Amino acid sequence: MSDPGYEDYEEQILEIVSVLGRGLGVKVRPRRILWHGSSVAAPSFMRGLGSDQCDFDGGDVILPKVLRNRLSPIEWKPLLASQLIYERRSSLTILARWLASILLIIFTWVPAVGFLAAEYGDYGLLLAMSLLIPVTIFCTWFFSHELRSVRLNADDKAASIVGPREFLNVLEKVDSFHFKDIERRKKGGFQISVQSHFPAIDARIRRVGKLIKP
């Protein structure tokens, strides 16, 4: 038997999503909330959800389980607004970033293959193949870095809707819980820098904080 308190809590969040969608001109028909229980420090398109992030999949609103009842329904609004803006406005931007990454590989690695193969034959070809690893790592980092930038821009636009002070208060509240994945992302490191498409929460806090007028 479901808890009436949870049902009311979730209904209020779904209503906030509907109102935001209408205001942003986004076609969103939220039907239910899915509480995601597996948070990872370096979430990407294919892996996990950060504890300071949310997502949408058709009529499903996907939220981190660790924040259930820790945030009031209205406190979800900045996070929801940022994700809706990201999904509405970033499609072409993401495509441009992806194409830039592919072109980077082509214009750095392909000439290297031709030159080394011509100069050193099979040994040159083997050397060129070994260069593919660092080039791929660099391009992955570049793509992830660019997507983090897109998400920070979405935060800026969301702050203009919900208010930068309100957004900052929510980010600082989430940060105060010291969730492991958020703390790891704040510390950074090679894997986080290369793989994570999500900015660290301290970067989000600094960005939104700059929007507050003295």
N, C-alpha and C. Protein backbone atom coordinates (compact mmCIF):
# COMPACT_ATOMS: atom_id res chain seq x y z
N MET A 1 0.85 -1.20 0.00
CA MET A 1 0.00 0.00 0.00
C MET A 1 0.89 1.25 0.00
N SER A 2 0.62 2.20 -0.91
CA SER A 2 1.46 3.38 -1.04
C SER A 2 1.19 4.36 0.09
N ASP A 3 2.19 5.15 0.41
CA ASP A 3 2.11 6.14 1.46
C ASP A 3 1.47 7.41 0.89
N PRO A 4 0.32 7.86 1.44
CA PRO A 4 -0.33 9.07 0.93
C PRO A 4 0.60 10.28 0.96
N GLY A 5 1.48 10.33 1.97
CA GLY A 5 2.43 11.44 2.05
C GLY A 5 3.37 11.47 0.87
N TYR A 6 3.88 10.28 0.48
CA TYR A 6 4.76 10.20 -0.69
C TYR A 6 4.00 10.58 -1.96
N GLU A 7 2.75 10.12 -2.07
CA GLU A 7 1.97 10.42 -3.27
C GLU A 7 1.77 11.92 -3.43
N ASP A 8 1.45 12.61 -2.34
CA ASP A 8 1.25 14.06 -2.41
C ASP A 8 2.57 14.76 -2.75
N TYR A 9 3.65 14.30 -2.15
CA TYR A 9 4.99 14.85 -2.42
C TYR A 9 5.33 14.72 -3.89
N GLU A 10 5.10 13.56 -4.45
CA GLU A 10 5.43 13.32 -5.85
C GLU A 10 4.49 14.08 -6.78
N GLU A 11 3.22 14.18 -6.43
CA GLU A 11 2.27 14.92 -7.26
C GLU A 11 2.66 16.39 -7.35
N GLN A 12 3.13 16.95 -6.26
CA GLN A 12 3.56 18.35 -6.28
C GLN A 12 4.77 18.53 -7.19
N ILE A 13 5.69 17.59 -7.16
CA ILE A 13 6.86 17.67 -8.04
C ILE A 13 6.43 17.55 -9.50
N LEU A 14 5.55 16.63 -9.80
CA LEU A 14 5.07 16.46 -11.17
C LEU A 14 4.36 17.72 -11.67
N GLU A 15 3.63 18.38 -10.79
CA GLU A 15 2.96 19.62 -11.17
C GLU A 15 3.98 20.72 -11.48
N ILE A 16 5.05 20.76 -10.70
CA ILE A 16 6.11 21.74 -10.95
C ILE A 16 6.73 21.49 -12.32
N VAL A 17 6.96 20.22 -12.67
CA VAL A 17 7.50 19.89 -13.98
C VAL A 17 6.55 20.37 -15.08
N SER A 18 5.26 20.13 -14.90
CA SER A 18 4.28 20.56 -15.91
C SER A 18 4.28 22.06 -16.10
N VAL A 19 4.31 22.80 -15.00
CA VAL A 19 4.31 24.26 -15.08
C VAL A 19 5.59 24.77 -15.75
N LEU A 20 6.73 24.19 -15.37
CA LEU A 20 7.98 24.58 -16.00
C LEU A 20 7.97 24.28 -17.50
N GLY A 21 7.45 23.12 -17.85
CA GLY A 21 7.39 22.74 -19.26
C GLY A 21 6.57 23.73 -20.08
N ARG A 22 5.42 24.13 -19.54
CA ARG A 22 4.59 25.10 -20.26
C ARG A 22 5.31 26.44 -20.37
N GLY A 23 5.95 26.86 -19.31
CA GLY A 23 6.65 28.14 -19.34
C GLY A 23 7.83 28.16 -20.30
N LEU A 24 8.50 27.02 -20.43
CA LEU A 24 9.68 26.91 -21.31
C LEU A 24 9.32 26.50 -22.73
N GLY A 25 8.06 26.15 -22.96
CA GLY A 25 7.67 25.68 -24.27
C GLY A 25 8.18 24.29 -24.58
N VAL A 26 8.36 23.48 -23.54
CA VAL A 26 8.84 22.11 -23.70
C VAL A 26 7.67 21.15 -23.61
N LYS A 27 7.58 20.24 -24.56
CA LYS A 27 6.51 19.24 -24.53
C LYS A 27 6.87 18.15 -23.53
N VAL A 28 6.35 18.26 -22.35
CA VAL A 28 6.64 17.28 -21.31
C VAL A 28 5.33 16.91 -20.64
N ARG A 29 5.08 15.62 -20.52
CA ARG A 29 3.86 15.12 -19.89
C ARG A 29 4.25 14.17 -18.76
N PRO A 30 4.65 14.71 -17.64
CA PRO A 30 5.13 13.86 -16.54
C PRO A 30 4.03 12.99 -15.96
N ARG A 31 4.27 11.68 -15.92
CA ARG A 31 3.27 10.74 -15.41
C ARG A 31 3.66 10.17 -14.04
N ARG A 32 4.95 9.97 -13.85
CA ARG A 32 5.38 9.36 -12.59
C ARG A 32 6.82 9.74 -12.30
N ILE A 33 7.20 9.53 -11.05
CA ILE A 33 8.58 9.76 -10.63
C ILE A 33 9.25 8.42 -10.38
N LEU A 34 10.45 8.28 -10.93
CA LEU A 34 11.28 7.12 -10.65
C LEU A 34 12.45 7.59 -9.80
N TRP A 35 12.61 6.96 -8.64
CA TRP A 35 13.70 7.33 -7.74
C TRP A 35 14.91 6.47 -8.05
N HIS A 36 15.94 7.09 -8.58
CA HIS A 36 17.15 6.39 -9.01
C HIS A 36 18.05 6.16 -7.81
N GLY A 37 18.40 4.91 -7.55
CA GLY A 37 19.13 4.59 -6.34
C GLY A 37 20.62 4.42 -6.50
N SER A 38 21.14 4.51 -7.73
CA SER A 38 22.57 4.27 -7.97
C SER A 38 23.22 5.55 -8.47
N SER A 39 23.88 6.27 -7.58
CA SER A 39 24.57 7.49 -7.95
C SER A 39 26.05 7.20 -8.18
N VAL A 40 26.62 7.82 -9.19
CA VAL A 40 28.04 7.60 -9.50
C VAL A 40 28.73 8.94 -9.62
N ALA A 41 30.04 8.93 -9.37
CA ALA A 41 30.79 10.18 -9.35
C ALA A 41 30.97 10.77 -10.75
N ALA A 42 31.04 9.91 -11.76
CA ALA A 42 31.27 10.39 -13.12
C ALA A 42 30.14 9.95 -14.03
N PRO A 43 28.92 10.42 -13.77
CA PRO A 43 27.81 10.00 -14.63
C PRO A 43 28.00 10.52 -16.05
N SER A 44 27.64 9.69 -17.01
CA SER A 44 27.72 10.06 -18.41
C SER A 44 26.38 9.70 -19.04
N PHE A 45 26.31 9.73 -20.37
CA PHE A 45 25.06 9.38 -21.04
C PHE A 45 24.61 7.96 -20.71
N MET A 46 25.57 7.08 -20.51
CA MET A 46 25.24 5.68 -20.39
C MET A 46 25.38 5.15 -18.97
N ARG A 47 25.77 5.99 -18.03
CA ARG A 47 26.11 5.45 -16.73
C ARG A 47 25.67 6.38 -15.60
N GLY A 48 24.63 5.97 -14.89
CA GLY A 48 24.29 6.58 -13.62
C GLY A 48 23.72 7.97 -13.67
N LEU A 49 23.40 8.46 -12.46
CA LEU A 49 22.83 9.79 -12.27
C LEU A 49 23.49 10.38 -11.04
N GLY A 50 23.91 11.64 -11.14
CA GLY A 50 24.52 12.29 -9.99
C GLY A 50 23.48 12.66 -8.95
N SER A 51 23.89 12.77 -7.70
CA SER A 51 22.97 13.10 -6.62
C SER A 51 22.47 14.54 -6.68
N ASP A 52 23.08 15.36 -7.53
CA ASP A 52 22.61 16.73 -7.71
C ASP A 52 21.97 16.92 -9.08
N GLN A 53 21.57 15.81 -9.71
CA GLN A 53 21.02 15.87 -11.06
C GLN A 53 19.66 15.19 -11.12
N CYS A 54 18.94 15.46 -12.20
CA CYS A 54 17.70 14.74 -12.49
C CYS A 54 17.66 14.48 -13.99
N ASP A 55 16.65 13.74 -14.43
CA ASP A 55 16.58 13.39 -15.84
C ASP A 55 15.13 13.16 -16.21
N PHE A 56 14.85 13.10 -17.51
CA PHE A 56 13.50 12.85 -18.02
C PHE A 56 13.58 11.77 -19.09
N ASP A 57 12.64 10.87 -19.05
CA ASP A 57 12.57 9.79 -20.04
C ASP A 57 11.10 9.57 -20.37
N GLY A 58 10.65 10.21 -21.45
CA GLY A 58 9.23 10.14 -21.77
C GLY A 58 8.41 10.81 -20.67
N GLY A 59 7.50 10.05 -20.07
CA GLY A 59 6.69 10.57 -18.98
C GLY A 59 7.29 10.34 -17.61
N ASP A 60 8.50 9.77 -17.56
CA ASP A 60 9.15 9.49 -16.29
C ASP A 60 10.07 10.64 -15.89
N VAL A 61 9.91 11.07 -14.66
CA VAL A 61 10.81 12.06 -14.08
C VAL A 61 11.76 11.29 -13.15
N ILE A 62 13.04 11.28 -13.49
CA ILE A 62 14.01 10.46 -12.76
C ILE A 62 14.78 11.35 -11.79
N LEU A 63 14.68 11.01 -10.51
CA LEU A 63 15.29 11.81 -9.47
C LEU A 63 16.17 10.94 -8.58
N PRO A 64 17.24 11.50 -8.01
CA PRO A 64 18.11 10.72 -7.13
C PRO A 64 17.39 10.37 -5.82
N LYS A 65 17.39 9.11 -5.48
CA LYS A 65 16.67 8.63 -4.30
C LYS A 65 17.18 9.25 -3.01
N VAL A 66 18.48 9.57 -2.97
CA VAL A 66 19.06 10.11 -1.73
C VAL A 66 18.47 11.47 -1.36
N LEU A 67 17.82 12.15 -2.31
CA LEU A 67 17.23 13.45 -2.02
C LEU A 67 15.74 13.39 -1.76
N ARG A 68 15.18 12.20 -1.80
CA ARG A 68 13.73 12.09 -1.56
C ARG A 68 13.43 12.55 -0.13
N ASN A 69 12.52 13.50 -0.03
CA ASN A 69 12.09 14.11 1.23
C ASN A 69 13.17 14.96 1.90
N ARG A 70 14.36 15.01 1.33
CA ARG A 70 15.38 15.95 1.83
C ARG A 70 15.16 17.33 1.22
N LEU A 71 14.63 17.36 0.00
CA LEU A 71 14.24 18.60 -0.64
C LEU A 71 12.72 18.69 -0.65
N SER A 72 12.20 19.86 -0.38
CA SER A 72 10.76 20.07 -0.51
C SER A 72 10.42 20.10 -2.00
N PRO A 73 9.15 19.92 -2.36
CA PRO A 73 8.81 19.95 -3.79
C PRO A 73 9.30 21.21 -4.49
N ILE A 74 9.15 22.37 -3.86
CA ILE A 74 9.56 23.61 -4.52
C ILE A 74 11.07 23.69 -4.65
N GLU A 75 11.81 23.02 -3.76
CA GLU A 75 13.27 23.05 -3.87
C GLU A 75 13.78 22.21 -5.03
N TRP A 76 12.94 21.34 -5.57
CA TRP A 76 13.34 20.59 -6.76
C TRP A 76 13.30 21.48 -8.01
N LYS A 77 12.61 22.59 -7.93
CA LYS A 77 12.35 23.40 -9.12
C LYS A 77 13.61 23.82 -9.86
N PRO A 78 14.66 24.35 -9.19
CA PRO A 78 15.86 24.75 -9.95
C PRO A 78 16.52 23.59 -10.69
N LEU A 79 16.62 22.44 -10.04
CA LEU A 79 17.26 21.28 -10.68
C LEU A 79 16.44 20.80 -11.86
N LEU A 80 15.13 20.79 -11.71
CA LEU A 80 14.25 20.38 -12.80
C LEU A 80 14.31 21.36 -13.96
N ALA A 81 14.30 22.66 -13.64
CA ALA A 81 14.36 23.68 -14.68
C ALA A 81 15.65 23.59 -15.49
N SER A 82 16.77 23.39 -14.80
CA SER A 82 18.05 23.30 -15.49
C SER A 82 18.07 22.12 -16.45
N GLN A 83 17.55 20.97 -16.01
CA GLN A 83 17.55 19.80 -16.88
C GLN A 83 16.62 19.98 -18.07
N LEU A 84 15.46 20.59 -17.86
CA LEU A 84 14.55 20.84 -18.97
C LEU A 84 15.18 21.77 -19.99
N ILE A 85 15.85 22.81 -19.52
CA ILE A 85 16.51 23.74 -20.42
C ILE A 85 17.63 23.04 -21.17
N TYR A 86 18.38 22.21 -20.47
CA TYR A 86 19.46 21.45 -21.11
C TYR A 86 18.90 20.58 -22.23
N GLU A 87 17.81 19.88 -21.96
CA GLU A 87 17.24 18.98 -22.96
C GLU A 87 16.59 19.75 -24.11
N ARG A 88 16.05 20.94 -23.83
CA ARG A 88 15.37 21.70 -24.88
C ARG A 88 16.35 22.38 -25.81
N ARG A 89 17.39 22.97 -25.26
CA ARG A 89 18.25 23.85 -26.05
C ARG A 89 19.58 23.25 -26.44
N SER A 90 19.91 22.09 -25.94
CA SER A 90 21.28 21.62 -26.11
C SER A 90 21.47 20.61 -27.22
N SER A 91 20.40 20.18 -27.87
CA SER A 91 20.55 19.10 -28.87
C SER A 91 21.56 19.46 -29.95
N LEU A 92 21.39 20.65 -30.56
CA LEU A 92 22.32 21.05 -31.61
C LEU A 92 23.70 21.34 -31.04
N THR A 93 23.72 21.87 -29.82
CA THR A 93 25.02 22.17 -29.19
C THR A 93 25.78 20.88 -28.93
N ILE A 94 25.08 19.87 -28.42
CA ILE A 94 25.71 18.58 -28.16
C ILE A 94 26.22 17.97 -29.46
N LEU A 95 25.40 18.06 -30.51
CA LEU A 95 25.82 17.53 -31.81
C LEU A 95 27.07 18.25 -32.30
N ALA A 96 27.10 19.57 -32.13
CA ALA A 96 28.27 20.34 -32.56
C ALA A 96 29.51 19.91 -31.79
N ARG A 97 29.36 19.68 -30.46
CA ARG A 97 30.49 19.24 -29.64
C ARG A 97 30.97 17.85 -30.08
N TRP A 98 30.01 16.97 -30.38
CA TRP A 98 30.36 15.62 -30.80
C TRP A 98 31.10 15.66 -32.14
N LEU A 99 30.60 16.46 -33.06
CA LEU A 99 31.26 16.57 -34.36
C LEU A 99 32.66 17.17 -34.22
N ALA A 100 32.79 18.13 -33.31
CA ALA A 100 34.10 18.72 -33.08
C ALA A 100 35.08 17.68 -32.56
N SER A 101 34.59 16.79 -31.68
CA SER A 101 35.45 15.73 -31.15
C SER A 101 35.89 14.79 -32.25
N ILE A 102 34.94 14.41 -33.11
CA ILE A 102 35.27 13.49 -34.22
C ILE A 102 36.26 14.14 -35.18
N LEU A 103 36.02 15.41 -35.51
CA LEU A 103 36.93 16.11 -36.42
C LEU A 103 38.32 16.25 -35.82
N LEU A 104 38.34 16.41 -34.49
CA LEU A 104 39.64 16.51 -33.82
C LEU A 104 40.44 15.23 -33.99
N ILE A 105 39.74 14.09 -33.86
CA ILE A 105 40.41 12.80 -34.07
C ILE A 105 40.91 12.69 -35.52
N ILE A 106 40.04 13.06 -36.45
CA ILE A 106 40.39 12.93 -37.86
C ILE A 106 41.60 13.78 -38.22
N PHE A 107 41.59 15.03 -37.77
CA PHE A 107 42.65 15.97 -38.18
C PHE A 107 43.95 15.82 -37.40
N THR A 108 43.91 15.03 -36.32
CA THR A 108 45.16 14.79 -35.60
C THR A 108 45.71 13.39 -35.85
N TRP A 109 44.85 12.41 -35.85
CA TRP A 109 45.34 11.04 -35.95
C TRP A 109 45.56 10.60 -37.39
N VAL A 110 44.61 10.90 -38.27
CA VAL A 110 44.73 10.42 -39.66
C VAL A 110 46.00 10.94 -40.32
N PRO A 111 46.33 12.23 -40.22
CA PRO A 111 47.61 12.66 -40.81
C PRO A 111 48.81 11.97 -40.19
N ALA A 112 48.72 11.71 -38.88
CA ALA A 112 49.83 11.02 -38.21
C ALA A 112 50.01 9.62 -38.77
N VAL A 113 48.91 8.93 -39.03
CA VAL A 113 48.97 7.60 -39.61
C VAL A 113 49.66 7.64 -40.97
N GLY A 114 49.25 8.57 -41.80
CA GLY A 114 49.83 8.67 -43.14
C GLY A 114 51.32 8.98 -43.11
N PHE A 115 51.68 9.92 -42.25
CA PHE A 115 53.09 10.31 -42.18
C PHE A 115 53.97 9.18 -41.65
N LEU A 116 53.55 8.58 -40.53
CA LEU A 116 54.37 7.54 -39.91
C LEU A 116 54.44 6.28 -40.78
N ALA A 117 53.33 5.95 -41.43
CA ALA A 117 53.33 4.78 -42.31
C ALA A 117 54.26 5.00 -43.50
N ALA A 118 54.25 6.23 -44.03
CA ALA A 118 55.10 6.53 -45.18
C ALA A 118 56.58 6.55 -44.80
N GLU A 119 56.86 7.03 -43.60
CA GLU A 119 58.26 7.17 -43.17
C GLU A 119 58.85 5.87 -42.63
N TYR A 120 58.03 5.11 -41.91
CA TYR A 120 58.57 3.96 -41.17
C TYR A 120 57.87 2.63 -41.47
N GLY A 121 57.01 2.63 -42.46
CA GLY A 121 56.36 1.39 -42.86
C GLY A 121 55.49 0.79 -41.77
N ASP A 122 55.63 -0.54 -41.58
CA ASP A 122 54.78 -1.22 -40.60
C ASP A 122 55.03 -0.73 -39.18
N TYR A 123 56.28 -0.40 -38.86
CA TYR A 123 56.58 0.11 -37.52
C TYR A 123 55.89 1.46 -37.30
N GLY A 124 55.87 2.26 -38.32
CA GLY A 124 55.19 3.55 -38.23
C GLY A 124 53.70 3.38 -38.04
N LEU A 125 53.16 2.37 -38.72
CA LEU A 125 51.72 2.12 -38.58
C LEU A 125 51.38 1.68 -37.16
N LEU A 126 52.24 0.82 -36.59
CA LEU A 126 52.02 0.39 -35.21
C LEU A 126 52.11 1.57 -34.24
N LEU A 127 53.08 2.44 -34.50
CA LEU A 127 53.22 3.63 -33.65
C LEU A 127 51.99 4.52 -33.77
N ALA A 128 51.47 4.67 -34.99
CA ALA A 128 50.28 5.48 -35.20
C ALA A 128 49.08 4.89 -34.47
N MET A 129 48.97 3.55 -34.49
CA MET A 129 47.87 2.91 -33.79
C MET A 129 47.97 3.15 -32.28
N SER A 130 49.21 3.15 -31.76
CA SER A 130 49.38 3.40 -30.33
C SER A 130 49.00 4.83 -29.97
N LEU A 131 49.15 5.74 -30.93
CA LEU A 131 48.77 7.13 -30.68
C LEU A 131 47.26 7.31 -30.58
N LEU A 132 46.52 6.34 -31.10
CA LEU A 132 45.06 6.47 -31.07
C LEU A 132 44.54 6.52 -29.64
N ILE A 133 45.21 5.85 -28.71
CA ILE A 133 44.74 5.81 -27.32
C ILE A 133 44.77 7.21 -26.69
N PRO A 134 45.93 7.90 -26.69
CA PRO A 134 45.91 9.25 -26.09
C PRO A 134 45.04 10.24 -26.84
N VAL A 135 44.96 10.10 -28.16
CA VAL A 135 44.10 10.99 -28.93
C VAL A 135 42.64 10.79 -28.54
N THR A 136 42.23 9.51 -28.38
CA THR A 136 40.85 9.21 -27.99
C THR A 136 40.55 9.75 -26.59
N ILE A 137 41.51 9.58 -25.68
CA ILE A 137 41.33 10.10 -24.32
C ILE A 137 41.16 11.61 -24.35
N PHE A 138 41.99 12.28 -25.15
CA PHE A 138 41.89 13.73 -25.25
C PHE A 138 40.54 14.16 -25.81
N CYS A 139 40.08 13.49 -26.85
CA CYS A 139 38.81 13.86 -27.47
C CYS A 139 37.63 13.57 -26.53
N THR A 140 37.73 12.48 -25.75
CA THR A 140 36.69 12.19 -24.76
C THR A 140 36.64 13.28 -23.71
N TRP A 141 37.83 13.71 -23.26
CA TRP A 141 37.89 14.81 -22.29
C TRP A 141 37.29 16.08 -22.89
N PHE A 142 37.64 16.37 -24.12
CA PHE A 142 37.14 17.58 -24.78
C PHE A 142 35.61 17.57 -24.85
N PHE A 143 35.05 16.44 -25.26
CA PHE A 143 33.60 16.31 -25.38
C PHE A 143 32.93 16.46 -24.01
N SER A 144 33.47 15.79 -23.01
CA SER A 144 32.91 15.88 -21.66
C SER A 144 33.00 17.30 -21.13
N HIS A 145 34.13 17.94 -21.35
CA HIS A 145 34.32 19.33 -20.90
C HIS A 145 33.29 20.24 -21.54
N GLU A 146 33.05 20.05 -22.82
CA GLU A 146 32.09 20.89 -23.52
C GLU A 146 30.67 20.66 -23.00
N LEU A 147 30.32 19.40 -22.70
CA LEU A 147 28.98 19.13 -22.18
C LEU A 147 28.80 19.70 -20.78
N ARG A 148 29.86 19.68 -19.98
CA ARG A 148 29.78 20.32 -18.67
C ARG A 148 29.50 21.81 -18.83
N SER A 149 30.09 22.41 -19.84
CA SER A 149 29.86 23.82 -20.11
C SER A 149 28.40 24.07 -20.52
N VAL A 150 27.85 23.17 -21.32
CA VAL A 150 26.45 23.30 -21.74
C VAL A 150 25.53 23.23 -20.52
N ARG A 151 25.82 22.33 -19.60
CA ARG A 151 24.99 22.20 -18.39
C ARG A 151 25.11 23.44 -17.49
N LEU A 152 26.29 24.02 -17.41
CA LEU A 152 26.44 25.24 -16.62
C LEU A 152 25.66 26.39 -17.25
N ASN A 153 25.62 26.44 -18.57
CA ASN A 153 24.82 27.45 -19.25
C ASN A 153 23.33 27.24 -18.96
N ALA A 154 22.92 25.97 -18.87
CA ALA A 154 21.53 25.67 -18.52
C ALA A 154 21.22 26.14 -17.10
N ASP A 155 22.19 25.98 -16.20
CA ASP A 155 22.02 26.50 -14.84
C ASP A 155 21.79 28.01 -14.86
N ASP A 156 22.56 28.71 -15.70
CA ASP A 156 22.39 30.16 -15.79
C ASP A 156 20.96 30.53 -16.18
N LYS A 157 20.45 29.85 -17.18
CA LYS A 157 19.10 30.15 -17.67
C LYS A 157 18.05 29.76 -16.63
N ALA A 158 18.28 28.64 -15.95
CA ALA A 158 17.35 28.22 -14.91
C ALA A 158 17.33 29.23 -13.76
N ALA A 159 18.50 29.77 -13.43
CA ALA A 159 18.58 30.76 -12.36
C ALA A 159 17.79 32.01 -12.70
N SER A 160 17.74 32.37 -13.98
CA SER A 160 16.98 33.55 -14.38
C SER A 160 15.47 33.31 -14.24
N ILE A 161 15.07 32.03 -14.20
CA ILE A 161 13.64 31.69 -14.07
C ILE A 161 13.24 31.56 -12.61
N VAL A 162 14.01 30.80 -11.84
CA VAL A 162 13.63 30.51 -10.45
C VAL A 162 14.24 31.50 -9.46
N GLY A 163 15.24 32.27 -9.93
CA GLY A 163 15.94 33.19 -9.06
C GLY A 163 17.29 32.62 -8.65
N PRO A 164 18.38 33.38 -8.87
CA PRO A 164 19.71 32.85 -8.54
C PRO A 164 19.89 32.55 -7.06
N ARG A 165 19.30 33.35 -6.17
CA ARG A 165 19.43 33.08 -4.75
C ARG A 165 18.75 31.78 -4.38
N GLU A 166 17.56 31.55 -4.92
CA GLU A 166 16.83 30.31 -4.65
C GLU A 166 17.61 29.10 -5.18
N PHE A 167 18.17 29.24 -6.37
CA PHE A 167 18.95 28.15 -6.96
C PHE A 167 20.19 27.88 -6.10
N LEU A 168 20.87 28.94 -5.70
CA LEU A 168 22.08 28.79 -4.90
C LEU A 168 21.76 28.10 -3.57
N ASN A 169 20.65 28.47 -2.95
CA ASN A 169 20.27 27.85 -1.67
C ASN A 169 20.09 26.35 -1.81
N VAL A 170 19.48 25.93 -2.92
CA VAL A 170 19.25 24.49 -3.14
C VAL A 170 20.58 23.77 -3.36
N LEU A 171 21.45 24.34 -4.19
CA LEU A 171 22.74 23.71 -4.44
C LEU A 171 23.56 23.59 -3.15
N GLU A 172 23.54 24.63 -2.36
CA GLU A 172 24.29 24.59 -1.10
C GLU A 172 23.69 23.57 -0.13
N LYS A 173 22.37 23.44 -0.15
CA LYS A 173 21.73 22.45 0.71
C LYS A 173 22.12 21.04 0.30
N VAL A 174 22.09 20.78 -1.00
CA VAL A 174 22.48 19.46 -1.50
C VAL A 174 23.94 19.19 -1.15
N ASP A 175 24.78 20.18 -1.33
CA ASP A 175 26.20 20.04 -1.03
C ASP A 175 26.43 19.74 0.45
N SER A 176 25.58 20.27 1.32
CA SER A 176 25.75 20.09 2.77
C SER A 176 25.54 18.65 3.21
N PHE A 177 24.91 17.82 2.37
CA PHE A 177 24.69 16.42 2.74
C PHE A 177 25.95 15.57 2.54
N HIS A 178 26.91 16.08 1.80
CA HIS A 178 28.19 15.39 1.60
C HIS A 178 28.03 13.98 1.03
N PHE A 179 27.19 13.84 0.02
CA PHE A 179 27.04 12.55 -0.65
C PHE A 179 28.37 12.16 -1.30
N LYS A 180 28.66 10.87 -1.28
CA LYS A 180 29.97 10.39 -1.73
C LYS A 180 30.24 10.77 -3.18
N ASP A 181 29.25 10.59 -4.06
CA ASP A 181 29.51 10.87 -5.47
C ASP A 181 29.76 12.35 -5.71
N ILE A 182 29.06 13.21 -4.98
CA ILE A 182 29.27 14.65 -5.13
C ILE A 182 30.64 15.05 -4.61
N GLU A 183 31.04 14.47 -3.47
CA GLU A 183 32.35 14.79 -2.91
C GLU A 183 33.47 14.32 -3.84
N ARG A 184 33.32 13.16 -4.44
CA ARG A 184 34.33 12.66 -5.37
C ARG A 184 34.43 13.55 -6.60
N ARG A 185 33.29 14.02 -7.09
CA ARG A 185 33.32 14.89 -8.26
C ARG A 185 33.96 16.24 -7.93
N LYS A 186 33.78 16.71 -6.72
CA LYS A 186 34.43 17.95 -6.29
C LYS A 186 35.95 17.79 -6.26
N LYS A 187 36.42 16.61 -5.84
CA LYS A 187 37.86 16.36 -5.78
C LYS A 187 38.46 16.22 -7.17
N GLY A 188 37.65 15.80 -8.13
CA GLY A 188 38.14 15.66 -9.50
C GLY A 188 39.00 14.43 -9.67
N GLY A 189 40.02 14.54 -10.49
CA GLY A 189 40.85 13.40 -10.82
C GLY A 189 40.72 13.04 -12.29
N PHE A 190 41.55 12.12 -12.74
CA PHE A 190 41.62 11.79 -14.16
C PHE A 190 40.29 11.25 -14.69
N GLN A 191 39.72 10.24 -14.02
CA GLN A 191 38.49 9.63 -14.51
C GLN A 191 37.35 10.64 -14.55
N ILE A 192 37.22 11.44 -13.49
CA ILE A 192 36.15 12.43 -13.43
C ILE A 192 36.31 13.44 -14.56
N SER A 193 37.53 13.94 -14.74
CA SER A 193 37.77 14.97 -15.76
C SER A 193 37.51 14.46 -17.16
N VAL A 194 37.85 13.20 -17.40
CA VAL A 194 37.72 12.66 -18.76
C VAL A 194 36.30 12.20 -19.05
N GLN A 195 35.65 11.54 -18.08
CA GLN A 195 34.39 10.86 -18.37
C GLN A 195 33.14 11.62 -18.00
N SER A 196 33.18 12.42 -16.94
CA SER A 196 31.93 12.98 -16.43
C SER A 196 31.40 14.10 -17.32
N HIS A 197 30.14 13.98 -17.71
CA HIS A 197 29.47 15.02 -18.48
C HIS A 197 28.77 16.03 -17.57
N PHE A 198 28.93 15.86 -16.25
CA PHE A 198 28.24 16.70 -15.28
C PHE A 198 29.25 17.54 -14.51
N PRO A 199 29.02 18.84 -14.38
CA PRO A 199 29.94 19.68 -13.61
C PRO A 199 29.87 19.36 -12.12
N ALA A 200 30.95 19.57 -11.41
CA ALA A 200 30.96 19.39 -9.96
C ALA A 200 30.06 20.43 -9.32
N ILE A 201 29.50 20.08 -8.18
CA ILE A 201 28.53 20.98 -7.56
C ILE A 201 29.18 22.29 -7.11
N ASP A 202 30.46 22.27 -6.75
CA ASP A 202 31.10 23.53 -6.36
C ASP A 202 31.25 24.46 -7.55
N ALA A 203 31.43 23.89 -8.76
CA ALA A 203 31.47 24.71 -9.96
C ALA A 203 30.09 25.32 -10.23
N ARG A 204 29.04 24.56 -9.98
CA ARG A 204 27.68 25.06 -10.15
C ARG A 204 27.40 26.18 -9.15
N ILE A 205 27.84 25.97 -7.93
CA ILE A 205 27.62 26.97 -6.88
C ILE A 205 28.33 28.29 -7.23
N ARG A 206 29.58 28.19 -7.67
CA ARG A 206 30.31 29.41 -8.05
C ARG A 206 29.62 30.12 -9.20
N ARG A 207 29.17 29.35 -10.18
CA ARG A 207 28.56 29.93 -11.37
C ARG A 207 27.26 30.66 -11.01
N VAL A 208 26.40 30.01 -10.26
CA VAL A 208 25.12 30.63 -9.89
C VAL A 208 25.35 31.78 -8.91
N GLY A 209 26.34 31.61 -8.02
CA GLY A 209 26.63 32.68 -7.06
C GLY A 209 27.00 33.98 -7.73
N LYS A 210 27.67 33.91 -8.87
CA LYS A 210 28.08 35.11 -9.60
C LYS A 210 26.88 35.88 -10.17
N LEU A 211 25.74 35.22 -10.27
CA LEU A 211 24.55 35.85 -10.84
C LEU A 211 23.77 36.66 -9.80
N ILE A 212 24.13 36.51 -8.54
CA ILE A 212 23.42 37.23 -7.48
C ILE A 212 23.96 38.64 -7.39
N LYS A 213 23.09 39.60 -7.55
CA LYS A 213 23.49 40.99 -7.51
C LYS A 213 23.75 41.43 -6.06
N PRO A 214 24.84 42.16 -5.82
CA PRO A 214 25.15 42.62 -4.46
C PRO A 214 24.14 43.64 -3.96
